[in-house]
Amino acid sequence: MKGVRILVMVLVGLLLVTSCSEEQDFDQIDDLAITPSYETSIFYVKAQENLINRVEGLSFFTQDFNFDAFEEPFFADRVLAGVLTYELENTTSKPIEIRLEFLDEAENVLDTEVFSMDAAPTAILLREVAYGTSGKSLDIIKATSEIRLTAINLGDNNSESVLQDPAIVLRSSAQFTLDIR
């Protein structure tokens, strides 16, 4: 009886081992696709109305921002798509225009984004610009070395907003999706 019990246990154990196992596939790593997203701030610019009133002429602010996100080959070779997000707020008494020019290393203009906004009170302007398969060419953003921001006062130089701390604020961020294999 003891021998039968041991034989039954061995048979059950053998059936369990063979029935629950299958051939292992260690090549599954080749099918793994990882596409992380990276998000970063590009720039933040704030110009108070009293500064705008002191500047003669239309253009009250011009600055070039270094944009070397694609300098690293690891990043540049793996980027699939990207979205640049802009948020513009105007609490001044002036209608304004913001011009962003994407420049390559030779300072050739690759692309331009223009934002026009009426004097306050206005809603915050939010714009998302896609690059890659669902938007503009990804080559534009890959070749960009600098972003030139020019702010233009389309109003006068003596009016003042009744709002507290009137200013023009431009925020920008970028989110890129990469293929990591």
C-alpha atoms as a PDB file:
ATOM      1  CA  MET A   1       0.000   0.000   0.000  1.00  0.00           C
ATOM      2  CA  LYS A   2       2.839   2.299   0.836  1.00  0.00           C
ATOM      3  CA  GLY A   3       4.478   1.512  -2.524  1.00  0.00           C
ATOM      4  CA  VAL A   4       1.253   2.329  -4.422  1.00  0.00           C
ATOM      5  CA  ARG A   5       0.967   5.627  -2.611  1.00  0.00           C
ATOM      6  CA  ILE A   6       4.546   6.569  -3.551  1.00  0.00           C
ATOM      7  CA  LEU A   7       3.932   5.494  -7.155  1.00  0.00           C
ATOM      8  CA  VAL A   8       0.737   7.609  -7.338  1.00  0.00           C
ATOM      9  CA  MET A   9       2.579  10.608  -5.858  1.00  0.00           C
ATOM     10  CA  VAL A  10       5.413  10.286  -8.381  1.00  0.00           C
ATOM     11  CA  LEU A  11       2.922   9.996 -11.277  1.00  0.00           C
ATOM     12  CA  VAL A  12       0.929  13.020 -10.084  1.00  0.00           C
ATOM     13  CA  GLY A  13       4.151  15.012  -9.666  1.00  0.00           C
ATOM     14  CA  LEU A  14       5.322  13.997 -13.134  1.00  0.00           C
ATOM     15  CA  LEU A  15       1.967  14.969 -14.662  1.00  0.00           C
ATOM     16  CA  LEU A  16       2.026  18.330 -12.917  1.00  0.00           C
ATOM     17  CA  VAL A  17       5.544  19.112 -14.134  1.00  0.00           C
ATOM     18  CA  THR A  18       4.882  18.145 -17.741  1.00  0.00           C
ATOM     19  CA  SER A  19       1.375  19.566 -18.034  1.00  0.00           C
ATOM     20  CA  CYS A  20       2.225  23.063 -16.748  1.00  0.00           C
ATOM     21  CA  SER A  21       5.392  23.702 -18.666  1.00  0.00           C
ATOM     22  CA  GLU A  22       5.888  24.940 -22.158  1.00  0.00           C
ATOM     23  CA  GLU A  23       8.907  25.801 -24.206  1.00  0.00           C
ATOM     24  CA  GLN A  24      10.496  29.026 -22.994  1.00  0.00           C
ATOM     25  CA  ASP A  25      10.894  31.886 -25.495  1.00  0.00           C
ATOM     26  CA  PHE A  26      13.845  34.036 -24.484  1.00  0.00           C
ATOM     27  CA  ASP A  27      13.634  36.131 -27.683  1.00  0.00           C
ATOM     28  CA  GLN A  28      10.670  38.111 -26.333  1.00  0.00           C
ATOM     29  CA  ILE A  29      13.015  40.982 -25.508  1.00  0.00           C
ATOM     30  CA  ASP A  30      13.287  41.639 -29.262  1.00  0.00           C
ATOM     31  CA  ASP A  31       9.532  42.343 -29.360  1.00  0.00           C
ATOM     32  CA  LEU A  32       9.700  44.818 -26.490  1.00  0.00           C
ATOM     33  CA  ALA A  33       9.065  48.422 -27.583  1.00  0.00           C
ATOM     34  CA  ILE A  34       9.693  51.192 -25.083  1.00  0.00           C
ATOM     35  CA  THR A  35       8.542  54.719 -25.960  1.00  0.00           C
ATOM     36  CA  PRO A  36       9.062  57.027 -22.994  1.00  0.00           C
ATOM     37  CA  SER A  37       8.020  60.676 -23.086  1.00  0.00           C
ATOM     38  CA  TYR A  38      10.228  63.468 -21.805  1.00  0.00           C
ATOM     39  CA  GLU A  39       8.887  66.873 -20.871  1.00  0.00           C
ATOM     40  CA  THR A  40      10.831  70.045 -20.203  1.00  0.00           C
ATOM     41  CA  SER A  41      10.376  73.783 -19.968  1.00  0.00           C
ATOM     42  CA  ILE A  42      11.810  75.832 -22.831  1.00  0.00           C
ATOM     43  CA  PHE A  43      11.418  79.411 -21.620  1.00  0.00           C
ATOM     44  CA  TYR A  44       9.491  81.753 -19.361  1.00  0.00           C
ATOM     45  CA  VAL A  45       9.340  85.451 -20.216  1.00  0.00           C
ATOM     46  CA  LYS A  46       7.547  88.185 -18.284  1.00  0.00           C
ATOM     47  CA  ALA A  47       7.485  91.868 -19.292  1.00  0.00           C
ATOM     48  CA  GLN A  48       5.707  94.375 -17.049  1.00  0.00           C
ATOM     49  CA  GLU A  49       3.644  97.152 -18.620  1.00  0.00           C
ATOM     50  CA  ASN A  50       5.809  99.929 -17.132  1.00  0.00           C
ATOM     51  CA  LEU A  51       8.825  98.412 -18.938  1.00  0.00           C
ATOM     52  CA  ILE A  52       6.866  98.263 -22.206  1.00  0.00           C
ATOM     53  CA  ASN A  53       5.896 101.951 -21.791  1.00  0.00           C
ATOM     54  CA  ARG A  54       9.573 102.958 -21.408  1.00  0.00           C
ATOM     55  CA  VAL A  55      10.729 101.347 -24.668  1.00  0.00           C
ATOM     56  CA  GLU A  56      10.467 103.505 -27.778  1.00  0.00           C
ATOM     57  CA  GLY A  57       9.369 101.818 -31.000  1.00  0.00           C
ATOM     58  CA  LEU A  58       7.285  98.761 -31.644  1.00  0.00           C
ATOM     59  CA  SER A  59       9.620  95.971 -30.540  1.00  0.00           C
ATOM     60  CA  PHE A  60      10.011  96.044 -26.766  1.00  0.00           C
ATOM     61  CA  PHE A  61      11.717  92.686 -26.284  1.00  0.00           C
ATOM     62  CA  THR A  62      14.004  90.505 -28.410  1.00  0.00           C
ATOM     63  CA  GLN A  63      16.012  87.565 -27.145  1.00  0.00           C
ATOM     64  CA  ASP A  64      17.585  84.429 -28.583  1.00  0.00           C
ATOM     65  CA  PHE A  65      17.196  81.236 -26.554  1.00  0.00           C
ATOM     66  CA  ASN A  66      19.636  78.361 -27.000  1.00  0.00           C
ATOM     67  CA  PHE A  67      17.823  75.185 -28.068  1.00  0.00           C
ATOM     68  CA  ASP A  68      20.250  72.274 -28.091  1.00  0.00           C
ATOM     69  CA  ALA A  69      17.853  69.445 -27.239  1.00  0.00           C
ATOM     70  CA  PHE A  70      18.902  67.505 -30.321  1.00  0.00           C
ATOM     71  CA  GLU A  71      22.642  67.960 -29.893  1.00  0.00           C
ATOM     72  CA  GLU A  72      22.950  64.529 -28.277  1.00  0.00           C
ATOM     73  CA  PRO A  73      22.814  61.797 -30.981  1.00  0.00           C
ATOM     74  CA  PHE A  74      21.139  59.323 -28.608  1.00  0.00           C
ATOM     75  CA  PHE A  75      18.162  61.680 -28.301  1.00  0.00           C
ATOM     76  CA  ALA A  76      18.130  62.973 -31.895  1.00  0.00           C
ATOM     77  CA  ASP A  77      18.254  59.509 -33.457  1.00  0.00           C
ATOM     78  CA  ARG A  78      15.411  58.121 -31.329  1.00  0.00           C
ATOM     79  CA  VAL A  79      12.849  60.922 -31.229  1.00  0.00           C
ATOM     80  CA  LEU A  80       9.524  59.904 -32.801  1.00  0.00           C
ATOM     81  CA  ALA A  81       7.357  62.950 -32.212  1.00  0.00           C
ATOM     82  CA  GLY A  82       7.047  66.069 -30.126  1.00  0.00           C
ATOM     83  CA  VAL A  83       4.648  68.779 -29.019  1.00  0.00           C
ATOM     84  CA  LEU A  84       5.625  72.339 -28.129  1.00  0.00           C
ATOM     85  CA  THR A  85       3.107  74.044 -25.860  1.00  0.00           C
ATOM     86  CA  TYR A  86       2.823  77.817 -25.542  1.00  0.00           C
ATOM     87  CA  GLU A  87       0.788  79.749 -22.987  1.00  0.00           C
ATOM     88  CA  LEU A  88       0.433  83.509 -23.475  1.00  0.00           C
ATOM     89  CA  GLU A  89      -1.181  85.857 -20.967  1.00  0.00           C
ATOM     90  CA  ASN A  90      -1.707  89.602 -21.503  1.00  0.00           C
ATOM     91  CA  THR A  91      -2.944  91.725 -18.604  1.00  0.00           C
ATOM     92  CA  THR A  92      -1.657  95.009 -20.078  1.00  0.00           C
ATOM     93  CA  SER A  93      -3.577  97.771 -21.873  1.00  0.00           C
ATOM     94  CA  LYS A  94      -1.682  97.012 -25.085  1.00  0.00           C
ATOM     95  CA  PRO A  95      -2.456  94.719 -27.986  1.00  0.00           C
ATOM     96  CA  ILE A  96       0.681  92.672 -28.627  1.00  0.00           C
ATOM     97  CA  GLU A  97       2.291  90.343 -31.118  1.00  0.00           C
ATOM     98  CA  ILE A  98       4.805  87.669 -30.172  1.00  0.00           C
ATOM     99  CA  ARG A  99       6.948  86.189 -32.937  1.00  0.00           C
ATOM    100  CA  LEU A 100       9.017  83.030 -32.422  1.00  0.00           C
ATOM    101  CA  GLU A 101      11.564  82.153 -35.089  1.00  0.00           C
ATOM    102  CA  PHE A 102      13.245  78.749 -35.105  1.00  0.00           C
ATOM    103  CA  LEU A 103      16.828  79.203 -36.344  1.00  0.00           C
ATOM    104  CA  ASP A 104      19.444  76.692 -37.457  1.00  0.00           C
ATOM    105  CA  GLU A 105      23.155  77.079 -36.651  1.00  0.00           C
ATOM    106  CA  ALA A 106      23.616  79.496 -39.582  1.00  0.00           C
ATOM    107  CA  GLU A 107      20.685  81.590 -38.256  1.00  0.00           C
ATOM    108  CA  ASN A 108      18.424  80.645 -41.173  1.00  0.00           C
ATOM    109  CA  VAL A 109      14.743  80.748 -40.244  1.00  0.00           C
ATOM    110  CA  LEU A 110      13.306  77.214 -40.300  1.00  0.00           C
ATOM    111  CA  ASP A 111       9.836  77.976 -38.961  1.00  0.00           C
ATOM    112  CA  THR A 112       7.848  80.815 -37.384  1.00  0.00           C
ATOM    113  CA  GLU A 113       5.033  80.940 -34.841  1.00  0.00           C
ATOM    114  CA  VAL A 114       3.117  84.211 -34.453  1.00  0.00           C
ATOM    115  CA  PHE A 115       0.782  85.037 -31.558  1.00  0.00           C
ATOM    116  CA  SER A 116      -1.490  88.112 -31.620  1.00  0.00           C
ATOM    117  CA  MET A 117      -3.396  89.160 -28.539  1.00  0.00           C
ATOM    118  CA  ASP A 118      -5.720  92.034 -27.735  1.00  0.00           C
ATOM    119  CA  ALA A 119      -5.321  94.277 -24.711  1.00  0.00           C
ATOM    120  CA  ALA A 120      -6.650  93.019 -21.381  1.00  0.00           C
ATOM    121  CA  PRO A 121      -9.043  91.662 -20.407  1.00  0.00           C
ATOM    122  CA  THR A 122      -8.423  88.574 -22.540  1.00  0.00           C
ATOM    123  CA  ALA A 123      -8.357  84.852 -21.952  1.00  0.00           C
ATOM    124  CA  ILE A 124      -5.071  83.006 -21.731  1.00  0.00           C
ATOM    125  CA  LEU A 125      -3.991  81.853 -25.181  1.00  0.00           C
ATOM    126  CA  LEU A 126      -2.906  78.203 -25.275  1.00  0.00           C
ATOM    127  CA  ARG A 127      -1.365  76.678 -28.414  1.00  0.00           C
ATOM    128  CA  GLU A 128       0.070  73.218 -28.965  1.00  0.00           C
ATOM    129  CA  VAL A 129       2.202  72.616 -32.056  1.00  0.00           C
ATOM    130  CA  ALA A 130       2.867  68.982 -32.992  1.00  0.00           C
ATOM    131  CA  TYR A 131       5.990  67.761 -34.759  1.00  0.00           C
ATOM    132  CA  GLY A 132       6.301  64.317 -36.307  1.00  0.00           C
ATOM    133  CA  THR A 133       3.723  62.148 -38.044  1.00  0.00           C
ATOM    134  CA  SER A 134       0.749  64.181 -36.820  1.00  0.00           C
ATOM    135  CA  GLY A 135       2.107  67.689 -37.394  1.00  0.00           C
ATOM    136  CA  LYS A 136       4.965  69.716 -38.797  1.00  0.00           C
ATOM    137  CA  SER A 137       8.160  68.043 -39.969  1.00  0.00           C
ATOM    138  CA  LEU A 138      10.293  66.717 -37.153  1.00  0.00           C
ATOM    139  CA  ASP A 139      13.348  67.886 -39.132  1.00  0.00           C
ATOM    140  CA  ILE A 140      12.426  71.500 -38.267  1.00  0.00           C
ATOM    141  CA  ILE A 141      12.789  70.917 -34.558  1.00  0.00           C
ATOM    142  CA  LYS A 142      15.839  68.642 -34.975  1.00  0.00           C
ATOM    143  CA  ALA A 143      17.713  71.338 -36.929  1.00  0.00           C
ATOM    144  CA  THR A 144      16.756  74.178 -34.548  1.00  0.00           C
ATOM    145  CA  SER A 145      19.721  75.640 -32.683  1.00  0.00           C
ATOM    146  CA  GLU A 146      18.100  78.832 -31.330  1.00  0.00           C
ATOM    147  CA  ILE A 147      14.641  80.259 -30.849  1.00  0.00           C
ATOM    148  CA  ARG A 148      14.370  84.020 -31.348  1.00  0.00           C
ATOM    149  CA  LEU A 149      11.533  85.671 -29.441  1.00  0.00           C
ATOM    150  CA  THR A 150      10.390  89.145 -30.493  1.00  0.00           C
ATOM    151  CA  ALA A 151       7.591  90.959 -28.653  1.00  0.00           C
ATOM    152  CA  ILE A 152       5.888  93.886 -30.404  1.00  0.00           C
ATOM    153  CA  ASN A 153       3.683  96.553 -28.829  1.00  0.00           C
ATOM    154  CA  LEU A 154       0.806  97.203 -31.245  1.00  0.00           C
ATOM    155  CA  GLY A 155      -0.578  99.936 -28.983  1.00  0.00           C
ATOM    156  CA  ASP A 156       0.770 103.123 -27.419  1.00  0.00           C
ATOM    157  CA  ASN A 157       3.451 103.842 -24.810  1.00  0.00           C
ATOM    158  CA  ASN A 158       1.423 105.751 -22.248  1.00  0.00           C
ATOM    159  CA  SER A 159      -1.753 103.815 -21.413  1.00  0.00           C
ATOM    160  CA  GLU A 160      -1.858 101.747 -18.235  1.00  0.00           C
ATOM    161  CA  SER A 161      -4.004  98.793 -17.298  1.00  0.00           C
ATOM    162  CA  VAL A 162      -6.256  99.008 -14.271  1.00  0.00           C
ATOM    163  CA  LEU A 163      -5.384  95.405 -13.377  1.00  0.00           C
ATOM    164  CA  GLN A 164      -2.877  94.704 -10.621  1.00  0.00           C
ATOM    165  CA  ASP A 165       0.711  94.054 -11.821  1.00  0.00           C
ATOM    166  CA  PRO A 166      -0.078  94.235 -15.554  1.00  0.00           C
ATOM    167  CA  ALA A 167       2.339  92.187 -17.647  1.00  0.00           C
ATOM    168  CA  ILE A 168       2.780  89.951 -20.631  1.00  0.00           C
ATOM    169  CA  VAL A 169       3.769  86.387 -19.727  1.00  0.00           C
ATOM    170  CA  LEU A 170       4.844  83.702 -22.188  1.00  0.00           C
ATOM    171  CA  ARG A 171       5.495  80.158 -20.984  1.00  0.00           C
ATOM    172  CA  SER A 172       6.700  77.337 -23.176  1.00  0.00           C
ATOM    173  CA  SER A 173       7.325  73.632 -22.712  1.00  0.00           C
ATOM    174  CA  ALA A 174       8.134  70.639 -24.889  1.00  0.00           C
ATOM    175  CA  GLN A 175       7.235  66.968 -24.713  1.00  0.00           C
ATOM    176  CA  PHE A 176       9.053  64.419 -26.886  1.00  0.00           C
ATOM    177  CA  THR A 177       8.427  60.705 -27.367  1.00  0.00           C
ATOM    178  CA  LEU A 178      11.434  58.460 -27.971  1.00  0.00           C
ATOM    179  CA  ASP A 179      11.863  54.936 -29.285  1.00  0.00           C
ATOM    180  CA  ILE A 180      14.198  53.002 -26.987  1.00  0.00           C
ATOM    181  CA  ARG A 181      15.258  49.632 -28.352  1.00  0.00           C
END
